[in-house]
Amino acid sequence: MARIPGAFTYLFHVATAVVSHEENLHWLALRMLPGLGGVTTLRLLEKLSSPQAIFRASVSELESLGVSPALARNIASGCSFEDAVDQQQKALSAGVTLIPIQDARYPARLREIFDPPIVLYARGETELLRSHGIAVVGTRRPTPYGIAAAERLSADLAKTGLSIISGLARGIDTAAHRAALAEEGKTIAVLGCGIDVVYPSENRKLYEEIARRGLLVSEFPLGAPAYPQNFPIRNRIVSGLSLGVVIVEGAQHSGSAITAKLAMDQGREVFAVPGNITSKMSWGPNLLIKDGGAKLVQEWTDITNELPATVRRDLVAEAQQRLAEANGDFFPPDDSAGGAPRLEAPEPLKVLANKLLARLQVDVPQQLDSLLESFEGVSSSELIAALFDLEMSGLVRQLPGKNFVKVW
């Protein structure tokens, strides 16, 4: 996995506070400098530690660090601060949060990529930047099969507590976001334009819904149009935020194929939904599977089974917590955890899961209420957490109407 320079990695690791208003201004000024790319910015920060130090440096000092004479003069002149002030004021008026790369809220996974964005513009639930997410991407001209596959996978993955990450484009992206929201799940839209620009325009309603219930993210300045060259740049953030990327339809050299390549370069898992061999839109994912670059996906467990054990444990714990809150269950404080709620059920989760697995059948669905009656002394939250754990392991499948069957 490509990573940023070691010294600067340490600087990020000790970034535990939210960046102040004044510091934000310097980060924005750095971002708004014409001709200063992300990799060069990171190199300067590695040597000079902060944007303030970069702007205080002399022209000769900047040139000694490999900056061209013209760019060194631009930095030293502070010419970008006027634009930075304008951006900061617009962000404040639009309810947009600015998150520089040294800010504690900046997503750790995104810092790992080769050229992470220096500043993120965010609108919505910024805590989703710390969530576990899977990207679902594909063609802007999907077939009905592609739409159905994207909706089914996104809905099922959202139910597990994973954030569905995509690009708010027409087609597969739109289907993925809508399916996650329909399940009351989490979703993150990464834009290829300014965060205050709605593109495509027909997604305005979806854009506003994600702003209320999910998260909109962009690295482009406020007001930036949706230029075609922005979208391949945007795609590295889609994959960078994610644990893995699912490709649902796309031509051989499509944007989704670019995202798959970026995900591989970033050390992310790549998944692909196989398609009809006579369909041009199936060429991209089928080729990824054929070449061994992507794992074949038929259902959501093909994805969750590949997640790290720590992530799977987090998802189970979050589900258990949600159920406890929904049912009003109370778990006494755990003194060893500094008073945090104790999520362990009175009967160990693994023991209950094994009992459930013994009771469930392959061909006879059993309803949740019926199962609950069969386990005396077990609360609904404990039972559902155990069922969820079995689902995550691919051993149990949930059918409509809260019915459950064992998987072969």
Protein backbone atom coordinates (compact mmCIF):
# COMPACT_ATOMS: atom_id res chain seq x y z
CA MET A 1 0.00 0.00 0.00
CA ALA A 2 1.38 3.39 -1.03
CA ARG A 3 1.96 5.68 1.91
CA ILE A 4 2.97 9.25 2.52
CA PRO A 5 6.50 10.11 3.70
CA GLY A 6 7.42 8.75 7.11
CA ALA A 7 8.14 12.01 8.91
CA PHE A 8 4.85 13.51 7.82
CA THR A 9 3.02 10.32 8.76
CA TYR A 10 4.18 10.93 12.32
CA LEU A 11 2.89 14.49 12.18
CA PHE A 12 -0.57 13.17 11.22
CA HIS A 13 -0.53 10.53 13.92
CA VAL A 14 -0.13 13.19 16.61
CA ALA A 15 -2.91 15.34 15.13
CA THR A 16 -5.53 14.89 17.81
CA ALA A 17 -7.29 18.27 17.82
CA VAL A 18 -9.68 20.04 15.50
CA VAL A 19 -7.81 22.66 13.46
CA SER A 20 -8.60 26.26 14.47
CA HIS A 21 -10.24 28.92 12.29
CA GLU A 22 -6.91 30.70 11.70
CA GLU A 23 -5.09 27.46 10.92
CA ASN A 24 -7.86 26.56 8.48
CA LEU A 25 -7.19 29.79 6.63
CA HIS A 26 -3.53 28.87 6.12
CA TRP A 27 -4.47 25.37 4.92
CA LEU A 28 -6.92 26.90 2.45
CA ALA A 29 -4.32 29.38 1.24
CA LEU A 30 -1.98 26.47 0.64
CA ARG A 31 -4.71 24.60 -1.22
CA MET A 32 -5.59 27.62 -3.37
CA LEU A 33 -2.03 28.26 -4.59
CA PRO A 34 -1.95 27.76 -8.38
CA GLY A 35 0.65 25.25 -9.49
CA LEU A 36 1.15 23.67 -6.06
CA GLY A 37 0.15 20.01 -6.27
CA GLY A 38 -0.62 17.63 -3.45
CA VAL A 39 2.63 15.66 -3.54
CA THR A 40 4.75 18.85 -3.55
CA THR A 41 2.66 20.21 -0.67
CA LEU A 42 3.27 17.06 1.35
CA ARG A 43 7.00 17.28 0.67
CA LEU A 44 7.07 20.88 1.90
CA LEU A 45 5.05 20.01 4.98
CA GLU A 46 7.42 17.15 5.72
CA LYS A 47 10.30 19.66 5.83
CA LEU A 48 8.56 22.71 7.31
CA SER A 49 5.86 21.03 9.48
CA SER A 50 2.98 23.49 8.95
CA PRO A 51 1.36 25.80 6.38
CA GLN A 52 2.33 28.79 8.52
CA ALA A 53 6.00 27.79 8.29
CA ILE A 54 5.72 27.39 4.52
CA PHE A 55 4.32 30.91 4.10
CA ARG A 56 7.03 32.33 6.41
CA ALA A 57 9.83 30.70 4.41
CA SER A 58 11.95 32.86 2.12
CA VAL A 59 12.05 32.40 -1.65
CA SER A 60 15.58 31.01 -1.47
CA GLU A 61 14.61 28.54 1.26
CA LEU A 62 11.66 27.32 -0.78
CA GLU A 63 13.81 26.94 -3.88
CA SER A 64 16.31 24.89 -1.87
CA LEU A 65 13.44 22.48 -1.14
CA GLY A 66 12.81 21.92 -4.85
CA VAL A 67 10.15 24.57 -5.51
CA SER A 68 10.37 26.42 -8.82
CA PRO A 69 11.33 30.12 -8.62
CA ALA A 70 7.90 31.30 -9.87
CA LEU A 71 6.00 29.12 -7.39
CA ALA A 72 8.36 30.14 -4.56
CA ARG A 73 7.58 33.80 -5.25
CA ASN A 74 3.83 33.07 -5.26
CA ILE A 75 4.08 31.32 -1.91
CA ALA A 76 6.16 34.06 -0.33
CA SER A 77 3.82 36.78 -1.62
CA GLY A 78 0.79 35.27 0.12
CA CYS A 79 -1.27 35.92 -3.01
CA SER A 80 -3.67 33.04 -2.29
CA PHE A 81 -4.93 34.38 1.05
CA GLU A 82 -7.62 36.54 -0.57
CA ASP A 83 -9.09 33.44 -2.24
CA ALA A 84 -8.73 31.51 1.03
CA VAL A 85 -10.72 34.14 2.96
CA ASP A 86 -13.43 34.03 0.28
CA GLN A 87 -13.59 30.22 0.50
CA GLN A 88 -13.76 30.29 4.28
CA GLN A 89 -16.64 32.78 4.27
CA LYS A 90 -18.55 30.82 1.62
CA ALA A 91 -18.06 27.60 3.58
CA LEU A 92 -19.40 29.22 6.73
CA SER A 93 -22.47 30.55 4.89
CA ALA A 94 -23.17 27.19 3.23
CA GLY A 95 -22.80 25.12 6.39
CA VAL A 96 -19.71 23.41 5.01
CA THR A 97 -17.01 22.07 7.33
CA LEU A 98 -13.36 22.43 6.33
CA ILE A 99 -11.17 19.49 7.36
CA PRO A 100 -7.43 19.87 6.65
CA ILE A 101 -5.24 16.79 6.52
CA GLN A 102 -3.79 17.48 10.00
CA ASP A 103 -7.26 17.77 11.56
CA ALA A 104 -8.24 14.95 13.94
CA ARG A 105 -11.46 14.44 11.94
CA TYR A 106 -9.60 13.69 8.71
CA PRO A 107 -10.15 10.01 7.81
CA ALA A 108 -7.15 7.85 8.68
CA ARG A 109 -7.56 5.59 5.63
CA LEU A 110 -7.41 8.55 3.27
CA ARG A 111 -4.10 9.70 4.78
CA GLU A 112 -2.57 6.37 3.69
CA ILE A 113 -2.87 6.98 -0.06
CA PHE A 114 -0.06 8.39 -2.17
CA ASP A 115 -1.61 11.82 -2.77
CA PRO A 116 -4.29 12.53 -0.15
CA PRO A 117 -6.26 15.78 -0.56
CA ILE A 118 -4.85 18.60 1.56
CA VAL A 119 -8.28 19.93 2.54
CA LEU A 120 -11.68 18.22 2.53
CA TYR A 121 -14.92 20.16 2.22
CA ALA A 122 -17.68 18.28 4.06
CA ARG A 123 -21.41 18.81 4.47
CA GLY A 124 -23.52 16.54 6.66
CA GLU A 125 -22.59 13.95 9.28
CA THR A 126 -18.82 14.39 9.45
CA GLU A 127 -18.49 11.51 11.95
CA LEU A 128 -19.11 9.19 8.98
CA LEU A 129 -15.50 9.91 7.97
CA ARG A 130 -14.53 7.55 10.81
CA SER A 131 -16.95 4.81 9.74
CA HIS A 132 -16.13 1.57 7.94
CA GLY A 133 -17.20 1.90 4.31
CA ILE A 134 -17.48 0.00 1.05
CA ALA A 135 -17.52 1.82 -2.29
CA VAL A 136 -20.11 0.76 -4.87
CA VAL A 137 -19.42 2.25 -8.31
CA GLY A 138 -20.23 1.59 -11.94
CA THR A 139 -21.43 2.90 -15.26
CA ARG A 140 -23.61 5.95 -15.78
CA ARG A 141 -25.62 3.90 -18.33
CA PRO A 142 -26.54 0.75 -16.43
CA THR A 143 -28.80 -2.07 -17.48
CA PRO A 144 -31.79 -3.04 -15.31
CA TYR A 145 -29.65 -5.94 -14.06
CA GLY A 146 -26.90 -3.53 -12.98
CA ILE A 147 -29.35 -1.29 -11.13
CA ALA A 148 -30.88 -4.30 -9.35
CA ALA A 149 -27.45 -5.65 -8.36
CA ALA A 150 -26.25 -2.27 -7.05
CA GLU A 151 -29.45 -1.74 -5.06
CA ARG A 152 -29.44 -5.21 -3.55
CA LEU A 153 -25.79 -5.19 -2.52
CA SER A 154 -25.88 -1.61 -1.21
CA ALA A 155 -29.01 -2.26 0.83
CA ASP A 156 -27.62 -5.47 2.34
CA LEU A 157 -24.25 -3.90 3.14
CA ALA A 158 -25.93 -0.83 4.66
CA LYS A 159 -27.91 -3.13 6.96
CA THR A 160 -24.64 -4.45 8.41
CA GLY A 161 -23.64 -0.92 9.43
CA LEU A 162 -21.18 -0.28 6.61
CA SER A 163 -21.21 3.14 4.95
CA ILE A 164 -21.95 3.01 1.22
CA ILE A 165 -19.49 5.27 -0.60
CA SER A 166 -20.01 6.43 -4.18
CA GLY A 167 -19.77 9.45 -6.46
CA LEU A 168 -23.37 10.73 -6.85
CA ALA A 169 -23.13 10.17 -10.60
CA ARG A 170 -26.00 8.93 -12.75
CA GLY A 171 -26.62 5.21 -12.88
CA ILE A 172 -24.96 2.84 -10.46
CA ASP A 173 -23.76 5.56 -8.07
CA THR A 174 -27.28 6.94 -7.71
CA ALA A 175 -28.73 3.47 -7.16
CA ALA A 176 -26.16 2.72 -4.43
CA HIS A 177 -26.82 5.94 -2.49
CA ARG A 178 -30.60 5.57 -2.72
CA ALA A 179 -30.57 1.94 -1.60
CA ALA A 180 -28.48 2.79 1.49
CA LEU A 181 -30.80 5.65 2.44
CA ALA A 182 -33.88 3.46 1.91
CA GLU A 183 -32.52 1.10 4.58
CA GLU A 184 -31.86 4.00 6.97
CA GLY A 185 -28.19 3.29 6.38
CA LYS A 186 -25.10 5.46 6.07
CA THR A 187 -23.84 6.84 2.77
CA ILE A 188 -21.01 9.16 1.64
CA ALA A 189 -21.04 10.95 -1.72
CA VAL A 190 -17.67 12.13 -3.06
CA LEU A 191 -18.16 14.94 -5.56
CA GLY A 192 -16.11 15.86 -8.62
CA CYS A 193 -17.01 19.54 -8.26
CA GLY A 194 -17.41 22.12 -5.51
CA ILE A 195 -19.50 20.81 -2.63
CA ASP A 196 -22.05 23.57 -3.28
CA VAL A 197 -22.52 22.48 -6.91
CA VAL A 198 -25.17 19.84 -7.67
CA TYR A 199 -24.05 17.54 -10.48
CA PRO A 200 -25.86 15.99 -12.19
CA SER A 201 -28.69 18.48 -11.71
CA GLU A 202 -31.38 15.77 -11.66
CA ASN A 203 -29.85 14.46 -8.43
CA ARG A 204 -30.66 17.63 -6.48
CA LYS A 205 -33.20 15.86 -4.27
CA LEU A 206 -30.76 13.02 -3.58
CA TYR A 207 -27.99 15.56 -2.91
CA GLU A 208 -30.11 17.32 -0.27
CA GLU A 209 -31.15 14.02 1.30
CA ILE A 210 -27.52 12.92 1.64
CA ALA A 211 -26.66 16.32 3.15
CA ARG A 212 -29.34 15.70 5.82
CA ARG A 213 -28.82 12.00 6.49
CA GLY A 214 -25.36 11.18 5.17
CA LEU A 215 -22.23 13.04 4.12
CA LEU A 216 -21.14 15.03 1.06
CA VAL A 217 -17.38 15.35 0.51
CA SER A 218 -15.21 17.19 -2.02
CA GLU A 219 -11.63 18.35 -2.36
CA PHE A 220 -12.52 20.97 -4.97
CA PRO A 221 -13.06 24.60 -3.95
CA LEU A 222 -16.56 25.92 -3.48
CA GLY A 223 -18.07 26.90 -6.81
CA ALA A 224 -15.76 24.64 -8.84
CA PRO A 225 -17.62 23.31 -11.94
CA ALA A 226 -17.85 19.61 -12.74
CA TYR A 227 -15.06 19.48 -15.31
CA PRO A 228 -14.55 16.02 -16.91
CA GLN A 229 -10.94 15.84 -15.67
CA ASN A 230 -12.14 16.15 -12.07
CA PHE A 231 -13.77 12.74 -11.93
CA PRO A 232 -10.69 10.51 -12.24
CA ILE A 233 -9.13 12.72 -9.55
CA ARG A 234 -12.26 12.30 -7.41
CA ASN A 235 -12.15 8.51 -7.79
CA ARG A 236 -8.97 8.14 -5.71
CA ILE A 237 -10.92 9.57 -2.75
CA VAL A 238 -13.81 7.14 -3.30
CA SER A 239 -11.40 4.21 -3.09
CA GLY A 240 -9.21 5.88 -0.46
CA LEU A 241 -12.09 6.22 2.01
CA SER A 242 -13.12 2.61 1.52
CA LEU A 243 -12.15 -0.80 2.84
CA GLY A 244 -12.94 -2.14 -0.61
CA VAL A 245 -14.54 -1.24 -3.92
CA VAL A 246 -17.39 -3.09 -5.66
CA ILE A 247 -17.60 -2.66 -9.45
CA VAL A 248 -21.12 -3.04 -10.87
CA GLU A 249 -21.07 -2.77 -14.68
CA GLY A 250 -18.70 -0.65 -16.71
CA ALA A 251 -16.79 -0.72 -19.98
CA GLN A 252 -13.17 -1.89 -20.09
CA HIS A 253 -11.73 1.64 -19.85
CA SER A 254 -14.53 3.27 -17.85
CA GLY A 255 -14.33 5.42 -14.74
CA SER A 256 -15.18 2.40 -12.60
CA ALA A 257 -12.19 0.56 -14.10
CA ILE A 258 -10.01 3.53 -13.12
CA THR A 259 -11.41 3.35 -9.58
CA ALA A 260 -10.62 -0.38 -9.46
CA LYS A 261 -7.02 0.31 -10.52
CA LEU A 262 -6.70 3.05 -7.89
CA ALA A 263 -8.10 0.72 -5.24
CA MET A 264 -5.51 -1.94 -6.13
CA ASP A 265 -2.72 0.64 -5.95
CA GLN A 266 -3.99 1.72 -2.53
CA GLY A 267 -4.08 -1.84 -1.21
CA ARG A 268 -7.88 -1.98 -1.05
CA GLU A 269 -9.99 -5.05 -1.73
CA VAL A 270 -11.61 -5.07 -5.19
CA PHE A 271 -14.88 -6.88 -5.90
CA ALA A 272 -16.84 -7.22 -9.13
CA VAL A 273 -20.36 -8.32 -10.00
CA PRO A 274 -20.27 -10.67 -13.02
CA GLY A 275 -22.55 -9.84 -15.92
CA ASN A 276 -23.92 -11.01 -19.23
CA ILE A 277 -21.02 -11.78 -21.59
CA THR A 278 -22.97 -10.23 -24.49
CA SER A 279 -23.34 -6.90 -22.69
CA LYS A 280 -20.74 -4.18 -23.25
CA MET A 281 -21.41 -2.95 -19.71
CA SER A 282 -20.25 -6.30 -18.29
CA TRP A 283 -16.86 -6.19 -19.96
CA GLY A 284 -15.10 -4.26 -17.19
CA PRO A 285 -16.14 -6.34 -14.16
CA ASN A 286 -15.90 -9.65 -16.05
CA LEU A 287 -12.36 -8.85 -17.15
CA LEU A 288 -11.36 -7.90 -13.60
CA ILE A 289 -12.63 -11.26 -12.36
CA LYS A 290 -11.01 -13.16 -15.26
CA ASP A 291 -7.61 -11.54 -14.65
CA GLY A 292 -7.76 -12.17 -10.91
CA GLY A 293 -7.88 -8.46 -10.07
CA ALA A 294 -11.27 -8.69 -8.38
CA LYS A 295 -13.20 -11.18 -6.28
CA LEU A 296 -16.50 -12.35 -7.74
CA VAL A 297 -19.54 -11.09 -5.83
CA GLN A 298 -22.94 -12.79 -5.80
CA GLU A 299 -24.18 -11.58 -2.42
CA TRP A 300 -23.15 -9.26 0.39
CA THR A 301 -21.43 -11.98 2.43
CA ASP A 302 -18.88 -12.37 -0.39
CA ILE A 303 -17.75 -8.88 0.64
CA THR A 304 -18.12 -8.95 4.41
CA ASN A 305 -16.30 -12.29 4.65
CA GLU A 306 -13.20 -10.54 3.25
CA LEU A 307 -13.22 -7.74 5.83
CA PRO A 308 -10.58 -7.73 8.59
CA ALA A 309 -11.66 -9.42 11.81
CA THR A 310 -11.40 -6.12 13.71
CA VAL A 311 -13.86 -4.48 11.32
CA ARG A 312 -16.30 -7.37 11.60
CA ARG A 313 -16.16 -7.15 15.39
CA ASP A 314 -16.81 -3.40 15.23
CA LEU A 315 -19.88 -3.95 13.05
CA VAL A 316 -21.29 -6.58 15.39
CA ALA A 317 -20.69 -4.34 18.41
CA GLU A 318 -22.35 -1.38 16.67
CA ALA A 319 -25.36 -3.51 15.74
CA GLN A 320 -25.65 -4.75 19.30
CA GLN A 321 -25.47 -1.18 20.60
CA ARG A 322 -28.16 0.00 18.17
CA LEU A 323 -30.44 -2.83 19.22
CA ALA A 324 -29.85 -2.15 22.88
CA GLU A 325 -30.73 1.52 22.40
CA ALA A 326 -33.80 0.68 20.31
CA ASN A 327 -35.09 -1.81 22.87
CA GLY A 328 -34.19 0.30 25.90
CA ASP A 329 -31.89 -2.43 27.22
CA PHE A 330 -29.42 -1.32 29.87
CA PHE A 331 -25.89 -2.63 30.19
CA PRO A 332 -24.11 -1.69 33.41
CA PRO A 333 -20.93 0.38 33.14
CA ASP A 334 -17.69 -1.49 32.70
CA ASP A 335 -15.21 0.05 35.15
CA SER A 336 -12.24 -1.36 33.25
CA ALA A 337 -13.30 0.60 30.18
CA GLY A 338 -13.58 3.92 31.97
CA GLY A 339 -17.34 3.71 32.43
CA ALA A 340 -18.16 2.83 28.81
CA PRO A 341 -21.29 0.71 28.23
CA ARG A 342 -20.58 -3.01 28.35
CA LEU A 343 -21.85 -4.63 25.16
CA GLU A 344 -21.41 -8.28 26.14
CA ALA A 345 -24.73 -10.09 26.56
CA PRO A 346 -25.32 -12.11 29.76
CA GLU A 347 -24.95 -15.30 27.67
CA PRO A 348 -21.77 -15.20 25.54
CA LEU A 349 -22.52 -14.31 21.95
CA LYS A 350 -20.66 -17.29 20.49
CA VAL A 351 -22.52 -19.79 22.68
CA LEU A 352 -25.88 -18.32 21.68
CA ALA A 353 -24.83 -18.25 18.01
CA ASN A 354 -23.94 -21.96 18.15
CA LYS A 355 -27.33 -22.79 19.69
CA LEU A 356 -29.07 -20.79 16.98
CA LEU A 357 -27.10 -22.54 14.26
CA ALA A 358 -28.12 -25.91 15.70
CA ARG A 359 -31.80 -24.92 15.69
CA LEU A 360 -32.01 -23.26 12.27
CA GLN A 361 -32.70 -25.36 9.17
CA VAL A 362 -31.64 -24.99 5.56
CA ASP A 363 -35.07 -25.32 3.96
CA VAL A 364 -37.47 -24.20 6.71
CA PRO A 365 -37.46 -20.43 7.46
CA GLN A 366 -37.98 -19.57 11.12
CA GLN A 367 -39.45 -16.27 12.21
CA LEU A 368 -37.63 -14.02 14.69
CA ASP A 369 -40.44 -14.07 17.26
CA SER A 370 -40.56 -17.88 17.12
CA LEU A 371 -36.82 -18.09 17.71
CA LEU A 372 -37.06 -15.68 20.61
CA GLU A 373 -39.67 -17.87 22.30
CA SER A 374 -37.31 -20.84 21.99
CA PHE A 375 -34.52 -19.24 24.01
CA GLU A 376 -35.64 -18.52 27.53
CA GLY A 377 -33.83 -15.68 29.29
CA VAL A 378 -32.41 -14.24 26.05
CA SER A 379 -33.40 -10.67 25.09
CA SER A 380 -34.32 -9.69 21.55
CA SER A 381 -31.17 -7.57 21.24
CA GLU A 382 -28.96 -10.51 22.23
CA LEU A 383 -30.69 -12.83 19.79
CA ILE A 384 -30.50 -10.38 16.89
CA ALA A 385 -26.83 -9.65 17.62
CA ALA A 386 -26.10 -13.40 17.47
CA LEU A 387 -28.08 -13.75 14.22
CA PHE A 388 -26.20 -10.79 12.78
CA ASP A 389 -22.89 -12.41 13.71
CA LEU A 390 -23.96 -15.59 11.90
CA GLU A 391 -25.03 -13.54 8.88
CA MET A 392 -21.66 -11.80 8.82
CA SER A 393 -20.01 -15.24 8.82
CA GLY A 394 -22.14 -16.38 5.89
CA LEU A 395 -23.74 -19.16 7.95
CA VAL A 396 -27.27 -17.71 8.13
CA ARG A 397 -29.39 -15.76 5.66
CA GLN A 398 -32.25 -13.42 6.48
CA LEU A 399 -35.36 -13.64 4.32
CA PRO A 400 -38.24 -11.13 4.07
CA GLY A 401 -40.42 -10.85 7.14
CA LYS A 402 -37.55 -11.39 9.61
CA ASN A 403 -37.31 -15.08 8.71
CA PHE A 404 -33.98 -16.89 8.96
CA VAL A 405 -32.52 -20.02 7.36
CA LYS A 406 -29.20 -21.81 7.66
CA VAL A 407 -26.86 -21.58 4.67
CA TRP A 408 -25.30 -24.78 3.36
